């Protein structure tokens, strides 16, 4: 199993997700359609997990080295977050968002294939490599979702009436995502100590990781100490996603980061 098989698995997962979205959003309250929609969405997720597992076995290393490989993990985590959120809070629109964004990332991988090598540089051959990157990508999926909820909240604030449930959903996603983000920072520090002898060196990636962490911390500060304010925290949460995107792959294009050990392979 290798990347030549990716189009088949990606197309199958996307088709199952599209069918699942149609059934889930079918007019009327039909429980059977809702159940069938959830089953199809879960089946699409299982297809992608199957490909990811087989790819891991074929490469004989974790598929976490390149941007394309991290996009694949992102496409796995987004539907998972969407399904869990729907089952917990019942937001159908959120599942649709998660699935459409996952399909977008699969499409990017299909349209822009990369060269995937099997070898890992010595610094990546660490016990911290897998938990650090996976925890980070999962936190990115949660935090990106929270920023979209914030955009929805801003729309309601300016053009309708802000639904308190929108803020509650944003809070829950941020709290969970921030916990995983913090865990990723700690894993990264332990990995850096093992590989280079220092917990933190203010490498460009580390700097933007700290700024991302700080952006979501500011949102939580607003919500904890000034719970009646809504505009400032929603704007903070919306813009925090821009910082996250720069941290994830934007630094690949920054001149100051060209010699960074954290830049993803292309």
C-alpha atoms as a PDB file:
ATOM      1  CA  UNK A   1       0.000   0.000   0.000  1.00  0.00           C
ATOM      2  CA  UNK A   2       1.431   3.385  -1.005  1.00  0.00           C
ATOM      3  CA  UNK A   3       0.350   6.844  -2.201  1.00  0.00           C
ATOM      4  CA  UNK A   4      -0.605   5.565  -5.643  1.00  0.00           C
ATOM      5  CA  UNK A   5      -3.634   4.018  -3.915  1.00  0.00           C
ATOM      6  CA  UNK A   6      -4.595   7.291  -2.236  1.00  0.00           C
ATOM      7  CA  UNK A   7      -7.081   8.510  -4.912  1.00  0.00           C
ATOM      8  CA  UNK A   8      -9.231   5.382  -4.507  1.00  0.00           C
ATOM      9  CA  UNK A   9      -9.395   5.601  -0.711  1.00  0.00           C
ATOM     10  CA  UNK A  10      -9.892   9.380  -0.749  1.00  0.00           C
ATOM     11  CA  UNK A  11     -12.689   9.189  -3.333  1.00  0.00           C
ATOM     12  CA  UNK A  12     -14.422   6.385  -1.413  1.00  0.00           C
ATOM     13  CA  UNK A  13     -14.242   8.282   1.864  1.00  0.00           C
ATOM     14  CA  UNK A  14     -15.474  11.508   0.229  1.00  0.00           C
ATOM     15  CA  UNK A  15     -18.407   9.718  -1.438  1.00  0.00           C
ATOM     16  CA  UNK A  16     -19.468   8.096   1.831  1.00  0.00           C
ATOM     17  CA  UNK A  17     -19.226  11.433   3.611  1.00  0.00           C
ATOM     18  CA  UNK A  18     -21.282  13.245   0.980  1.00  0.00           C
ATOM     19  CA  UNK A  19     -23.997  10.586   1.152  1.00  0.00           C
ATOM     20  CA  UNK A  20     -23.847  10.752   4.941  1.00  0.00           C
ATOM     21  CA  UNK A  21     -24.260  14.547   4.890  1.00  0.00           C
ATOM     22  CA  UNK A  22     -27.277  14.273   2.584  1.00  0.00           C
ATOM     23  CA  UNK A  23     -29.016  11.782   4.853  1.00  0.00           C
ATOM     24  CA  UNK A  24     -28.072  13.641   8.024  1.00  0.00           C
ATOM     25  CA  UNK A  25     -29.502  16.902   6.685  1.00  0.00           C
ATOM     26  CA  UNK A  26     -32.546  15.338   5.029  1.00  0.00           C
ATOM     27  CA  UNK A  27     -35.640  17.517   5.587  1.00  0.00           C
ATOM     28  CA  UNK A  28     -37.754  16.432   8.487  1.00  0.00           C
ATOM     29  CA  UNK A  29     -36.886  14.597  11.669  1.00  0.00           C
ATOM     30  CA  UNK A  30     -36.346  11.081  10.413  1.00  0.00           C
ATOM     31  CA  UNK A  31     -34.324   9.084  12.916  1.00  0.00           C
ATOM     32  CA  UNK A  32     -33.562   6.313  10.428  1.00  0.00           C
ATOM     33  CA  UNK A  33     -31.935   8.780   8.009  1.00  0.00           C
ATOM     34  CA  UNK A  34     -29.926  10.303  10.827  1.00  0.00           C
ATOM     35  CA  UNK A  35     -28.635   6.900  11.924  1.00  0.00           C
ATOM     36  CA  UNK A  36     -27.816   5.889   8.344  1.00  0.00           C
ATOM     37  CA  UNK A  37     -26.008   9.204   7.835  1.00  0.00           C
ATOM     38  CA  UNK A  38     -23.871   8.655  10.914  1.00  0.00           C
ATOM     39  CA  UNK A  39     -23.049   5.115   9.781  1.00  0.00           C
ATOM     40  CA  UNK A  40     -21.918   6.336   6.344  1.00  0.00           C
ATOM     41  CA  UNK A  41     -19.800   9.096   7.873  1.00  0.00           C
ATOM     42  CA  UNK A  42     -18.189   6.590  10.253  1.00  0.00           C
ATOM     43  CA  UNK A  43     -17.590   4.213   7.318  1.00  0.00           C
ATOM     44  CA  UNK A  44     -15.821   6.974   5.376  1.00  0.00           C
ATOM     45  CA  UNK A  45     -13.657   7.695   8.395  1.00  0.00           C
ATOM     46  CA  UNK A  46     -12.851   3.976   8.711  1.00  0.00           C
ATOM     47  CA  UNK A  47     -11.748   3.872   5.049  1.00  0.00           C
ATOM     48  CA  UNK A  48      -9.319   6.719   5.624  1.00  0.00           C
ATOM     49  CA  UNK A  49      -8.007   5.193   8.858  1.00  0.00           C
ATOM     50  CA  UNK A  50      -7.457   1.929   6.977  1.00  0.00           C
ATOM     51  CA  UNK A  51      -5.381   3.730   4.332  1.00  0.00           C
ATOM     52  CA  UNK A  52      -3.406   5.571   7.004  1.00  0.00           C
ATOM     53  CA  UNK A  53      -2.646   2.319   8.822  1.00  0.00           C
ATOM     54  CA  UNK A  54      -1.573   0.493   5.660  1.00  0.00           C
ATOM     55  CA  UNK A  55       0.554   3.469   4.624  1.00  0.00           C
ATOM     56  CA  UNK A  56       2.267   3.448   8.023  1.00  0.00           C
ATOM     57  CA  UNK A  57       3.078  -0.239   7.577  1.00  0.00           C
ATOM     58  CA  UNK A  58       4.343   0.246   4.020  1.00  0.00           C
ATOM     59  CA  UNK A  59       6.535   3.237   4.875  1.00  0.00           C
ATOM     60  CA  UNK A  60       7.846   1.476   7.987  1.00  0.00           C
ATOM     61  CA  UNK A  61       7.598   4.801   9.788  1.00  0.00           C
ATOM     62  CA  UNK A  62       4.841   7.124  11.047  1.00  0.00           C
ATOM     63  CA  UNK A  63       3.363   9.110   8.125  1.00  0.00           C
ATOM     64  CA  UNK A  64       3.949  12.418   9.879  1.00  0.00           C
ATOM     65  CA  UNK A  65       7.030  13.780   8.131  1.00  0.00           C
ATOM     66  CA  UNK A  66       5.613  15.985   5.367  1.00  0.00           C
ATOM     67  CA  UNK A  67       2.850  18.555   5.050  1.00  0.00           C
ATOM     68  CA  UNK A  68       0.860  16.141   2.885  1.00  0.00           C
ATOM     69  CA  UNK A  69       1.044  13.490   5.564  1.00  0.00           C
ATOM     70  CA  UNK A  70      -0.116  15.918   8.262  1.00  0.00           C
ATOM     71  CA  UNK A  71      -2.995  16.981   6.002  1.00  0.00           C
ATOM     72  CA  UNK A  72      -4.021  13.335   5.837  1.00  0.00           C
ATOM     73  CA  UNK A  73      -4.150  13.126   9.627  1.00  0.00           C
ATOM     74  CA  UNK A  74      -6.099  16.385   9.693  1.00  0.00           C
ATOM     75  CA  UNK A  75      -8.631  14.875   7.269  1.00  0.00           C
ATOM     76  CA  UNK A  76      -9.038  11.985   9.716  1.00  0.00           C
ATOM     77  CA  UNK A  77      -9.413  14.077  12.862  1.00  0.00           C
ATOM     78  CA  UNK A  78     -11.883  16.634  11.475  1.00  0.00           C
ATOM     79  CA  UNK A  79     -14.732  14.130  10.836  1.00  0.00           C
ATOM     80  CA  UNK A  80     -13.987  12.541  14.209  1.00  0.00           C
ATOM     81  CA  UNK A  81     -14.377  15.901  15.936  1.00  0.00           C
ATOM     82  CA  UNK A  82     -17.533  16.576  13.900  1.00  0.00           C
ATOM     83  CA  UNK A  83     -19.157  13.261  14.809  1.00  0.00           C
ATOM     84  CA  UNK A  84     -18.319  13.584  18.510  1.00  0.00           C
ATOM     85  CA  UNK A  85     -19.623  17.155  18.568  1.00  0.00           C
ATOM     86  CA  UNK A  86     -22.855  16.136  16.859  1.00  0.00           C
ATOM     87  CA  UNK A  87     -23.451  13.189  19.174  1.00  0.00           C
ATOM     88  CA  UNK A  88     -22.752  15.351  22.219  1.00  0.00           C
ATOM     89  CA  UNK A  89     -24.466  18.633  21.264  1.00  0.00           C
ATOM     90  CA  UNK A  90     -26.492  17.835  18.129  1.00  0.00           C
ATOM     91  CA  UNK A  91     -25.014  20.411  15.746  1.00  0.00           C
ATOM     92  CA  UNK A  92     -25.640  19.063  12.240  1.00  0.00           C
ATOM     93  CA  UNK A  93     -24.120  22.133  10.571  1.00  0.00           C
ATOM     94  CA  UNK A  94     -20.883  21.451  12.402  1.00  0.00           C
ATOM     95  CA  UNK A  95     -20.622  17.920  11.013  1.00  0.00           C
ATOM     96  CA  UNK A  96     -21.140  19.309   7.517  1.00  0.00           C
ATOM     97  CA  UNK A  97     -18.361  21.852   8.049  1.00  0.00           C
ATOM     98  CA  UNK A  98     -15.946  19.221   9.359  1.00  0.00           C
ATOM     99  CA  UNK A  99     -16.611  16.852   6.466  1.00  0.00           C
ATOM    100  CA  UNK A 100     -16.352  19.533   3.780  1.00  0.00           C
ATOM    101  CA  UNK A 101     -13.064  20.760   5.214  1.00  0.00           C
ATOM    102  CA  UNK A 102     -11.746  17.183   5.394  1.00  0.00           C
ATOM    103  CA  UNK A 103     -12.688  16.669   1.723  1.00  0.00           C
ATOM    104  CA  UNK A 104     -10.851  19.906   0.910  1.00  0.00           C
ATOM    105  CA  UNK A 105      -7.670  18.609   2.521  1.00  0.00           C
ATOM    106  CA  UNK A 106      -7.975  15.293   0.692  1.00  0.00           C
ATOM    107  CA  UNK A 107      -8.393  17.223  -2.554  1.00  0.00           C
ATOM    108  CA  UNK A 108      -5.269  19.278  -1.867  1.00  0.00           C
ATOM    109  CA  UNK A 109      -3.296  16.088  -1.341  1.00  0.00           C
ATOM    110  CA  UNK A 110      -4.656  14.674  -4.597  1.00  0.00           C
ATOM    111  CA  UNK A 111      -3.961  17.810  -6.639  1.00  0.00           C
ATOM    112  CA  UNK A 112      -0.545  18.457  -5.132  1.00  0.00           C
ATOM    113  CA  UNK A 113       1.183  15.114  -4.579  1.00  0.00           C
ATOM    114  CA  UNK A 114       4.489  15.159  -2.770  1.00  0.00           C
ATOM    115  CA  UNK A 115       7.573  12.963  -2.691  1.00  0.00           C
ATOM    116  CA  UNK A 116       7.294  10.697   0.300  1.00  0.00           C
ATOM    117  CA  UNK A 117      10.503   9.145   1.505  1.00  0.00           C
ATOM    118  CA  UNK A 118      10.670   6.239   3.871  1.00  0.00           C
ATOM    119  CA  UNK A 119      13.683   7.443   5.815  1.00  0.00           C
ATOM    120  CA  UNK A 120      13.535   9.695   8.845  1.00  0.00           C
ATOM    121  CA  UNK A 121      16.342  11.996   9.893  1.00  0.00           C
ATOM    122  CA  UNK A 122      18.000  10.983  13.189  1.00  0.00           C
ATOM    123  CA  UNK A 123      16.247  13.724  15.183  1.00  0.00           C
ATOM    124  CA  UNK A 124      12.844  12.317  14.152  1.00  0.00           C
ATOM    125  CA  UNK A 125      13.718   8.815  15.295  1.00  0.00           C
ATOM    126  CA  UNK A 126      12.480   9.500  18.792  1.00  0.00           C
ATOM    127  CA  UNK A 127       9.780   8.071  21.017  1.00  0.00           C
ATOM    128  CA  UNK A 128       8.345  11.599  21.247  1.00  0.00           C
ATOM    129  CA  UNK A 129       7.871  12.046  17.493  1.00  0.00           C
ATOM    130  CA  UNK A 130       4.506  10.293  17.122  1.00  0.00           C
ATOM    131  CA  UNK A 131       2.736  11.589  20.271  1.00  0.00           C
ATOM    132  CA  UNK A 132       4.024  15.134  19.713  1.00  0.00           C
ATOM    133  CA  UNK A 133       2.789  15.465  16.126  1.00  0.00           C
ATOM    134  CA  UNK A 134      -0.466  13.510  16.527  1.00  0.00           C
ATOM    135  CA  UNK A 135      -1.484  15.456  19.629  1.00  0.00           C
ATOM    136  CA  UNK A 136      -0.705  18.704  17.824  1.00  0.00           C
ATOM    137  CA  UNK A 137      -2.726  17.832  14.710  1.00  0.00           C
ATOM    138  CA  UNK A 138      -5.667  16.748  16.846  1.00  0.00           C
ATOM    139  CA  UNK A 139      -5.516  20.025  18.772  1.00  0.00           C
ATOM    140  CA  UNK A 140      -5.368  21.913  15.457  1.00  0.00           C
ATOM    141  CA  UNK A 141      -8.549  20.172  14.327  1.00  0.00           C
ATOM    142  CA  UNK A 142     -10.362  21.150  17.517  1.00  0.00           C
ATOM    143  CA  UNK A 143      -9.072  24.726  17.568  1.00  0.00           C
ATOM    144  CA  UNK A 144      -9.792  25.288  13.889  1.00  0.00           C
ATOM    145  CA  UNK A 145     -13.335  24.122  14.557  1.00  0.00           C
ATOM    146  CA  UNK A 146     -13.618  26.539  17.471  1.00  0.00           C
ATOM    147  CA  UNK A 147     -12.540  29.430  15.247  1.00  0.00           C
ATOM    148  CA  UNK A 148     -15.236  28.580  12.719  1.00  0.00           C
ATOM    149  CA  UNK A 149     -17.784  28.587  15.525  1.00  0.00           C
ATOM    150  CA  UNK A 150     -16.443  32.030  16.490  1.00  0.00           C
ATOM    151  CA  UNK A 151     -17.035  33.282  12.936  1.00  0.00           C
ATOM    152  CA  UNK A 152     -20.602  32.003  13.179  1.00  0.00           C
ATOM    153  CA  UNK A 153     -20.902  33.796  16.516  1.00  0.00           C
ATOM    154  CA  UNK A 154     -19.727  37.074  14.971  1.00  0.00           C
ATOM    155  CA  UNK A 155     -22.284  36.714  12.204  1.00  0.00           C
ATOM    156  CA  UNK A 156     -25.028  36.212  14.796  1.00  0.00           C
ATOM    157  CA  UNK A 157     -23.710  39.117  16.866  1.00  0.00           C
ATOM    158  CA  UNK A 158     -23.752  41.618  14.002  1.00  0.00           C
ATOM    159  CA  UNK A 159     -26.700  40.437  11.921  1.00  0.00           C
ATOM    160  CA  UNK A 160     -28.990  38.399  14.180  1.00  0.00           C
ATOM    161  CA  UNK A 161     -28.961  37.615  17.882  1.00  0.00           C
ATOM    162  CA  UNK A 162     -26.045  35.772  19.451  1.00  0.00           C
ATOM    163  CA  UNK A 163     -27.039  32.253  20.476  1.00  0.00           C
ATOM    164  CA  UNK A 164     -25.575  31.388  23.876  1.00  0.00           C
ATOM    165  CA  UNK A 165     -25.105  27.816  22.638  1.00  0.00           C
ATOM    166  CA  UNK A 166     -22.633  29.102  20.044  1.00  0.00           C
ATOM    167  CA  UNK A 167     -20.412  30.464  22.807  1.00  0.00           C
ATOM    168  CA  UNK A 168     -20.738  27.271  24.824  1.00  0.00           C
ATOM    169  CA  UNK A 169     -19.683  25.172  21.836  1.00  0.00           C
ATOM    170  CA  UNK A 170     -16.710  27.458  21.180  1.00  0.00           C
ATOM    171  CA  UNK A 171     -15.719  27.224  24.853  1.00  0.00           C
ATOM    172  CA  UNK A 172     -15.835  23.436  24.921  1.00  0.00           C
ATOM    173  CA  UNK A 173     -13.814  23.087  21.723  1.00  0.00           C
ATOM    174  CA  UNK A 174     -11.196  25.569  22.916  1.00  0.00           C
ATOM    175  CA  UNK A 175     -10.823  24.009  26.357  1.00  0.00           C
ATOM    176  CA  UNK A 176     -10.284  20.535  24.936  1.00  0.00           C
ATOM    177  CA  UNK A 177      -8.130  21.744  22.037  1.00  0.00           C
ATOM    178  CA  UNK A 178      -6.008  23.928  24.315  1.00  0.00           C
ATOM    179  CA  UNK A 179      -5.380  20.963  26.609  1.00  0.00           C
ATOM    180  CA  UNK A 180      -4.033  18.910  23.704  1.00  0.00           C
ATOM    181  CA  UNK A 181      -2.061  21.913  22.425  1.00  0.00           C
ATOM    182  CA  UNK A 182      -0.398  22.284  25.824  1.00  0.00           C
ATOM    183  CA  UNK A 183       0.351  18.571  25.882  1.00  0.00           C
ATOM    184  CA  UNK A 184       1.934  18.903  22.430  1.00  0.00           C
ATOM    185  CA  UNK A 185       4.154  21.726  23.683  1.00  0.00           C
ATOM    186  CA  UNK A 186       5.314  19.608  26.618  1.00  0.00           C
ATOM    187  CA  UNK A 187       6.026  16.595  24.396  1.00  0.00           C
ATOM    188  CA  UNK A 188       7.953  18.867  22.043  1.00  0.00           C
ATOM    189  CA  UNK A 189      10.064  20.263  24.869  1.00  0.00           C
ATOM    190  CA  UNK A 190      10.935  16.766  26.095  1.00  0.00           C
ATOM    191  CA  UNK A 191      11.776  15.718  22.542  1.00  0.00           C
ATOM    192  CA  UNK A 192      13.987  18.800  22.061  1.00  0.00           C
ATOM    193  CA  UNK A 193      15.838  18.048  25.284  1.00  0.00           C
ATOM    194  CA  UNK A 194      16.486  14.488  24.149  1.00  0.00           C
ATOM    195  CA  UNK A 195      17.551  15.458  20.608  1.00  0.00           C
ATOM    196  CA  UNK A 196      19.396  18.751  21.075  1.00  0.00           C
ATOM    197  CA  UNK A 197      19.981  19.111  24.796  1.00  0.00           C
ATOM    198  CA  UNK A 198      17.633  22.086  25.288  1.00  0.00           C
ATOM    199  CA  UNK A 199      13.935  22.232  26.151  1.00  0.00           C
ATOM    200  CA  UNK A 200      13.384  25.484  24.239  1.00  0.00           C
ATOM    201  CA  UNK A 201      15.519  27.489  21.788  1.00  0.00           C
ATOM    202  CA  UNK A 202      13.066  30.065  20.335  1.00  0.00           C
ATOM    203  CA  UNK A 203      13.300  28.475  16.925  1.00  0.00           C
ATOM    204  CA  UNK A 204      10.742  30.135  14.534  1.00  0.00           C
ATOM    205  CA  UNK A 205       8.424  27.123  14.848  1.00  0.00           C
ATOM    206  CA  UNK A 206       8.669  27.199  18.628  1.00  0.00           C
ATOM    207  CA  UNK A 207       7.990  30.936  18.656  1.00  0.00           C
ATOM    208  CA  UNK A 208       4.833  30.594  16.555  1.00  0.00           C
ATOM    209  CA  UNK A 209       3.748  27.578  18.618  1.00  0.00           C
ATOM    210  CA  UNK A 210       3.972  29.766  21.716  1.00  0.00           C
ATOM    211  CA  UNK A 211       2.041  32.577  19.986  1.00  0.00           C
ATOM    212  CA  UNK A 212      -0.687  30.082  19.009  1.00  0.00           C
ATOM    213  CA  UNK A 213      -0.894  28.841  22.584  1.00  0.00           C
ATOM    214  CA  UNK A 214      -1.042  32.433  23.824  1.00  0.00           C
ATOM    215  CA  UNK A 215      -3.806  33.425  21.371  1.00  0.00           C
ATOM    216  CA  UNK A 216      -6.184  30.754  22.651  1.00  0.00           C
ATOM    217  CA  UNK A 217      -5.165  31.477  26.240  1.00  0.00           C
ATOM    218  CA  UNK A 218      -6.278  35.100  25.728  1.00  0.00           C
ATOM    219  CA  UNK A 219      -9.687  33.840  24.601  1.00  0.00           C
ATOM    220  CA  UNK A 220     -10.008  31.686  27.716  1.00  0.00           C
ATOM    221  CA  UNK A 221      -8.963  34.654  29.846  1.00  0.00           C
ATOM    222  CA  UNK A 222     -11.789  36.735  28.357  1.00  0.00           C
ATOM    223  CA  UNK A 223     -14.350  33.995  28.899  1.00  0.00           C
ATOM    224  CA  UNK A 224     -13.238  33.293  32.464  1.00  0.00           C
ATOM    225  CA  UNK A 225     -12.752  36.791  33.865  1.00  0.00           C
ATOM    226  CA  UNK A 226     -15.105  38.818  31.641  1.00  0.00           C
ATOM    227  CA  UNK A 227     -17.904  36.369  30.791  1.00  0.00           C
ATOM    228  CA  UNK A 228     -20.349  39.121  29.770  1.00  0.00           C
ATOM    229  CA  UNK A 229     -18.103  40.354  26.970  1.00  0.00           C
ATOM    230  CA  UNK A 230     -18.682  38.614  23.641  1.00  0.00           C
ATOM    231  CA  UNK A 231     -17.302  40.706  20.787  1.00  0.00           C
ATOM    232  CA  UNK A 232     -13.644  40.785  21.897  1.00  0.00           C
ATOM    233  CA  UNK A 233     -13.349  37.046  22.651  1.00  0.00           C
ATOM    234  CA  UNK A 234     -15.093  36.081  19.410  1.00  0.00           C
ATOM    235  CA  UNK A 235     -12.742  38.273  17.373  1.00  0.00           C
ATOM    236  CA  UNK A 236      -9.775  36.876  19.305  1.00  0.00           C
ATOM    237  CA  UNK A 237     -10.855  33.315  18.606  1.00  0.00           C
ATOM    238  CA  UNK A 238     -11.475  34.018  14.918  1.00  0.00           C
ATOM    239  CA  UNK A 239      -8.052  35.602  14.400  1.00  0.00           C
ATOM    240  CA  UNK A 240      -6.289  32.937  16.457  1.00  0.00           C
ATOM    241  CA  UNK A 241      -6.827  30.549  13.558  1.00  0.00           C
ATOM    242  CA  UNK A 242      -4.598  32.733  11.365  1.00  0.00           C
ATOM    243  CA  UNK A 243      -1.795  32.373  13.913  1.00  0.00           C
ATOM    244  CA  UNK A 244      -2.395  28.620  13.992  1.00  0.00           C
ATOM    245  CA  UNK A 245      -2.123  28.366  10.189  1.00  0.00           C
ATOM    246  CA  UNK A 246       1.178  30.260  10.210  1.00  0.00           C
ATOM    247  CA  UNK A 247       2.472  27.943  12.923  1.00  0.00           C
ATOM    248  CA  UNK A 248       1.346  24.822  11.068  1.00  0.00           C
ATOM    249  CA  UNK A 249       2.618  25.433   7.545  1.00  0.00           C
ATOM    250  CA  UNK A 250       3.081  29.182   7.073  1.00  0.00           C
ATOM    251  CA  UNK A 251       6.567  29.128   8.556  1.00  0.00           C
ATOM    252  CA  UNK A 252       7.667  26.918   5.648  1.00  0.00           C
ATOM    253  CA  UNK A 253       7.599  30.094   3.574  1.00  0.00           C
ATOM    254  CA  UNK A 254       9.246  32.441   6.078  1.00  0.00           C
ATOM    255  CA  UNK A 255      12.895  33.286   5.229  1.00  0.00           C
ATOM    256  CA  UNK A 256      13.846  33.137   8.909  1.00  0.00           C
ATOM    257  CA  UNK A 257      12.689  29.528   9.130  1.00  0.00           C
ATOM    258  CA  UNK A 258      14.527  28.043   6.159  1.00  0.00           C
ATOM    259  CA  UNK A 259      17.175  26.506   8.409  1.00  0.00           C
ATOM    260  CA  UNK A 260      14.732  25.459  11.074  1.00  0.00           C
ATOM    261  CA  UNK A 261      14.690  21.797  12.074  1.00  0.00           C
ATOM    262  CA  UNK A 262      10.907  22.066  12.466  1.00  0.00           C
ATOM    263  CA  UNK A 263      10.055  22.886   8.846  1.00  0.00           C
ATOM    264  CA  UNK A 264       8.042  20.097   7.235  1.00  0.00           C
ATOM    265  CA  UNK A 265       9.638  18.227   4.353  1.00  0.00           C
ATOM    266  CA  UNK A 266       8.006  18.924   0.985  1.00  0.00           C
END
